[in-house]
Amino acid sequence: MKQVQFIEFLRNRLKMVVRISCALLALLILIDALWVDKEHAHTRPEHLPGFWSVFGFLACVLIVLLSK
């Protein structure tokens, strides 16, 4: 029952969840831009700051949308 209550809690605060998710994505991009070594990247997009953070976020969004 606690999982259902948690889901309802998040659903009632959807704007907060979206803002926190966007802030977390921005933080991951910042960390990737500043501290991740890109010397051994295999493809050109991997040299872009935050490529894997954005790629992972979009992949999760796509999985959720397609599963509905």
N, C-alpha and C. Protein backbone atom coordinates (compact mmCIF):
# COMPACT_ATOMS: atom_id res chain seq x y z
N MET A 1 0.81 -1.19 0.00
CA MET A 1 0.00 0.00 0.00
C MET A 1 0.86 1.27 0.00
N LYS A 2 2.05 1.19 0.56
CA LYS A 2 2.89 2.38 0.63
C LYS A 2 3.33 2.82 -0.76
N GLN A 3 3.51 1.89 -1.67
CA GLN A 3 3.89 2.25 -3.03
C GLN A 3 2.78 3.03 -3.71
N VAL A 4 1.55 2.62 -3.50
CA VAL A 4 0.41 3.31 -4.09
C VAL A 4 0.32 4.73 -3.54
N GLN A 5 0.52 4.87 -2.25
CA GLN A 5 0.50 6.20 -1.63
C GLN A 5 1.62 7.08 -2.17
N PHE A 6 2.78 6.50 -2.38
CA PHE A 6 3.92 7.24 -2.92
C PHE A 6 3.63 7.70 -4.35
N ILE A 7 3.07 6.83 -5.16
CA ILE A 7 2.72 7.19 -6.53
C ILE A 7 1.67 8.30 -6.55
N GLU A 8 0.70 8.21 -5.69
CA GLU A 8 -0.31 9.28 -5.60
C GLU A 8 0.32 10.59 -5.14
N PHE A 9 1.25 10.51 -4.20
CA PHE A 9 1.97 11.69 -3.73
C PHE A 9 2.70 12.37 -4.89
N LEU A 10 3.41 11.57 -5.71
CA LEU A 10 4.13 12.12 -6.85
C LEU A 10 3.17 12.66 -7.91
N ARG A 11 2.09 11.96 -8.14
CA ARG A 11 1.12 12.39 -9.15
C ARG A 11 0.50 13.73 -8.76
N ASN A 12 0.26 13.94 -7.49
CA ASN A 12 -0.31 15.20 -7.02
C ASN A 12 0.68 16.36 -7.10
N ARG A 13 1.95 16.04 -7.22
CA ARG A 13 3.00 17.07 -7.29
C ARG A 13 3.80 16.92 -8.58
N LEU A 14 3.10 16.80 -9.69
CA LEU A 14 3.74 16.51 -10.98
C LEU A 14 4.70 17.62 -11.41
N LYS A 15 4.33 18.88 -11.21
CA LYS A 15 5.22 19.98 -11.60
C LYS A 15 6.53 19.91 -10.83
N MET A 16 6.46 19.57 -9.54
CA MET A 16 7.66 19.46 -8.73
C MET A 16 8.55 18.32 -9.25
N VAL A 17 7.94 17.20 -9.60
CA VAL A 17 8.69 16.06 -10.11
C VAL A 17 9.40 16.42 -11.41
N VAL A 18 8.70 17.13 -12.30
CA VAL A 18 9.30 17.53 -13.58
C VAL A 18 10.45 18.50 -13.33
N ARG A 19 10.27 19.46 -12.45
CA ARG A 19 11.34 20.42 -12.16
C ARG A 19 12.56 19.75 -11.54
N ILE A 20 12.34 18.82 -10.63
CA ILE A 20 13.46 18.10 -10.02
C ILE A 20 14.18 17.26 -11.06
N SER A 21 13.43 16.62 -11.96
CA SER A 21 14.05 15.81 -13.02
C SER A 21 14.90 16.68 -13.95
N CYS A 22 14.39 17.85 -14.33
CA CYS A 22 15.15 18.75 -15.19
C CYS A 22 16.38 19.28 -14.47
N ALA A 23 16.27 19.59 -13.19
CA ALA A 23 17.42 20.06 -12.42
C ALA A 23 18.48 18.96 -12.31
N LEU A 24 18.04 17.73 -12.12
CA LEU A 24 18.98 16.62 -12.04
C LEU A 24 19.68 16.40 -13.38
N LEU A 25 18.94 16.52 -14.48
CA LEU A 25 19.54 16.40 -15.80
C LEU A 25 20.57 17.50 -16.02
N ALA A 26 20.25 18.74 -15.64
CA ALA A 26 21.19 19.85 -15.78
C ALA A 26 22.44 19.61 -14.94
N LEU A 27 22.27 19.08 -13.74
CA LEU A 27 23.42 18.77 -12.89
C LEU A 27 24.30 17.69 -13.51
N LEU A 28 23.70 16.68 -14.09
CA LEU A 28 24.47 15.62 -14.74
C LEU A 28 25.23 16.16 -15.94
N ILE A 29 24.61 17.06 -16.70
CA ILE A 29 25.30 17.66 -17.85
C ILE A 29 26.49 18.49 -17.37
N LEU A 30 26.29 19.24 -16.30
CA LEU A 30 27.38 20.05 -15.74
C LEU A 30 28.53 19.18 -15.27
N ILE A 31 28.22 18.12 -14.56
CA ILE A 31 29.26 17.20 -14.09
C ILE A 31 29.99 16.57 -15.28
N ASP A 32 29.23 16.18 -16.29
CA ASP A 32 29.84 15.57 -17.48
C ASP A 32 30.74 16.58 -18.20
N ALA A 33 30.32 17.82 -18.28
CA ALA A 33 31.11 18.83 -18.99
C ALA A 33 32.40 19.16 -18.25
N LEU A 34 32.36 19.10 -16.92
CA LEU A 34 33.52 19.54 -16.15
C LEU A 34 34.49 18.42 -15.77
N TRP A 35 33.99 17.24 -15.49
CA TRP A 35 34.87 16.22 -14.90
C TRP A 35 35.06 14.94 -15.69
N VAL A 36 34.28 14.70 -16.70
CA VAL A 36 34.40 13.44 -17.43
C VAL A 36 35.43 13.58 -18.55
N ASP A 37 36.36 12.62 -18.59
CA ASP A 37 37.40 12.62 -19.62
C ASP A 37 36.82 12.08 -20.92
N LYS A 38 36.93 12.85 -21.97
CA LYS A 38 36.37 12.45 -23.26
C LYS A 38 37.46 12.08 -24.27
N GLU A 39 38.63 11.82 -23.79
CA GLU A 39 39.75 11.50 -24.67
C GLU A 39 39.53 10.20 -25.44
N HIS A 40 38.85 9.25 -24.83
CA HIS A 40 38.67 7.94 -25.45
C HIS A 40 37.27 7.75 -26.03
N ALA A 41 36.58 8.83 -26.35
CA ALA A 41 35.25 8.71 -26.94
C ALA A 41 35.36 8.08 -28.32
N HIS A 42 34.36 7.26 -28.67
CA HIS A 42 34.41 6.52 -29.93
C HIS A 42 33.75 7.27 -31.08
N THR A 43 32.73 8.06 -30.78
CA THR A 43 32.00 8.76 -31.84
C THR A 43 32.01 10.26 -31.58
N ARG A 44 31.69 11.05 -32.61
CA ARG A 44 31.69 12.50 -32.49
C ARG A 44 30.69 13.02 -31.45
N PRO A 45 29.45 12.49 -31.39
CA PRO A 45 28.51 13.01 -30.39
C PRO A 45 28.98 12.79 -28.94
N GLU A 46 29.81 11.80 -28.71
CA GLU A 46 30.28 11.54 -27.35
C GLU A 46 31.18 12.66 -26.82
N HIS A 47 31.70 13.47 -27.71
CA HIS A 47 32.53 14.59 -27.29
C HIS A 47 31.70 15.77 -26.79
N LEU A 48 30.40 15.77 -27.07
CA LEU A 48 29.52 16.85 -26.61
C LEU A 48 29.27 16.72 -25.12
N PRO A 49 29.28 17.84 -24.40
CA PRO A 49 29.00 17.77 -22.96
C PRO A 49 27.58 17.29 -22.70
N GLY A 50 27.44 16.30 -21.87
CA GLY A 50 26.12 15.81 -21.48
C GLY A 50 25.46 14.89 -22.47
N PHE A 51 26.18 14.41 -23.46
CA PHE A 51 25.56 13.56 -24.48
C PHE A 51 24.89 12.34 -23.86
N TRP A 52 25.61 11.62 -23.01
CA TRP A 52 25.04 10.39 -22.45
C TRP A 52 23.95 10.68 -21.44
N SER A 53 24.02 11.81 -20.76
CA SER A 53 22.94 12.19 -19.84
C SER A 53 21.66 12.47 -20.60
N VAL A 54 21.77 13.23 -21.67
CA VAL A 54 20.59 13.55 -22.48
C VAL A 54 20.09 12.30 -23.19
N PHE A 55 21.00 11.50 -23.71
CA PHE A 55 20.62 10.26 -24.39
C PHE A 55 19.85 9.34 -23.45
N GLY A 56 20.35 9.16 -22.23
CA GLY A 56 19.68 8.30 -21.25
C GLY A 56 18.33 8.84 -20.85
N PHE A 57 18.23 10.16 -20.65
CA PHE A 57 16.96 10.78 -20.29
C PHE A 57 15.93 10.60 -21.40
N LEU A 58 16.33 10.86 -22.63
CA LEU A 58 15.40 10.71 -23.75
C LEU A 58 15.01 9.25 -23.96
N ALA A 59 15.94 8.34 -23.72
CA ALA A 59 15.62 6.92 -23.84
C ALA A 59 14.58 6.51 -22.81
N CYS A 60 14.71 7.00 -21.58
CA CYS A 60 13.72 6.69 -20.53
C CYS A 60 12.35 7.28 -20.87
N VAL A 61 12.34 8.51 -21.37
CA VAL A 61 11.09 9.14 -21.76
C VAL A 61 10.42 8.33 -22.87
N LEU A 62 11.22 7.91 -23.85
CA LEU A 62 10.70 7.12 -24.96
C LEU A 62 10.14 5.78 -24.48
N ILE A 63 10.83 5.14 -23.56
CA ILE A 63 10.34 3.86 -23.02
C ILE A 63 9.00 4.06 -22.31
N VAL A 64 8.88 5.12 -21.53
CA VAL A 64 7.63 5.37 -20.82
C VAL A 64 6.51 5.66 -21.79
N LEU A 65 6.77 6.50 -22.79
CA LEU A 65 5.73 6.86 -23.76
C LEU A 65 5.30 5.65 -24.58
N LEU A 66 6.23 4.82 -25.00
CA LEU A 66 5.89 3.66 -25.81
C LEU A 66 5.21 2.57 -25.00
N SER A 67 5.49 2.53 -23.71
CA SER A 67 4.86 1.48 -22.88
C SER A 67 3.40 1.79 -22.59
N LYS A 68 3.01 3.04 -22.75
CA LYS A 68 1.60 3.40 -22.53
C LYS A 68 0.81 2.93 -23.73
